Protein backbone atom coordinates (compact mmCIF):
# COMPACT_ATOMS: atom_id res chain seq x y z
CA MET A 1 116.46 66.63 68.81
CA THR A 2 116.40 68.09 65.31
CA VAL A 3 120.12 67.38 64.94
CA ILE A 4 119.56 63.70 65.77
CA ILE A 5 116.82 63.39 63.17
CA ALA A 6 118.93 65.20 60.58
CA ASN A 7 121.88 62.89 61.24
CA LEU A 8 119.72 59.78 60.87
CA PHE A 9 118.28 61.12 57.62
CA ILE A 10 121.76 61.84 56.25
CA ILE A 11 122.97 58.34 57.15
CA MET A 12 119.96 56.67 55.54
CA ALA A 13 120.12 58.86 52.43
CA SER A 14 123.84 58.25 51.95
CA GLY A 15 123.32 54.48 52.27
CA TRP A 16 120.56 54.61 49.68
CA LEU A 17 122.72 56.68 47.32
CA PHE A 18 125.74 54.38 47.74
CA ARG A 19 123.60 51.36 46.88
CA ARG A 20 121.81 53.13 44.03
CA PHE A 21 125.03 54.17 42.26
CA GLY A 22 126.78 50.84 42.86
CA ILE A 23 129.38 52.09 45.32
CA VAL A 24 128.28 49.40 47.78
CA ARG A 25 127.38 45.95 46.51
CA GLU A 26 124.32 43.97 47.56
CA GLY A 27 126.16 41.59 49.89
CA ALA A 28 127.94 44.38 51.76
CA ALA A 29 125.02 44.96 54.14
CA GLU A 30 125.74 41.74 56.04
CA ALA A 31 129.42 42.63 56.44
CA PHE A 32 128.56 46.14 57.66
CA ASN A 33 126.04 44.75 60.14
CA GLN A 34 128.59 42.32 61.58
CA TYR A 35 131.21 45.06 61.85
CA LEU A 36 128.82 47.46 63.59
CA TYR A 37 127.57 44.72 65.91
CA TYR A 38 131.08 44.40 67.37
CA LEU A 39 131.97 48.09 67.12
CA ALA A 40 128.92 49.63 68.82
CA PRO A 41 129.34 48.03 72.28
CA SER A 42 132.91 49.31 72.50
CA CYS A 43 131.91 52.95 71.95
CA PRO A 44 131.83 55.02 75.14
CA HIS A 45 128.50 56.42 76.25
CA HIS A 46 128.38 60.09 77.17
CA SER A 47 125.63 61.69 79.14
CA GLU A 48 124.55 65.26 78.56
CA ASN A 49 125.27 66.17 82.19
CA SER A 50 129.00 65.46 82.09
């Protein structure tokens, strides 16, 4: 569980840093959201028992 929380923190912190230093522009969030909306359902789901 700690690994999951650490990964989420790293993702959120990197997004904040990218926006803060101008690596990602303001309008990029909508494009990322659309991309992830179509990408996420195609990812396979793995259970811990397999």
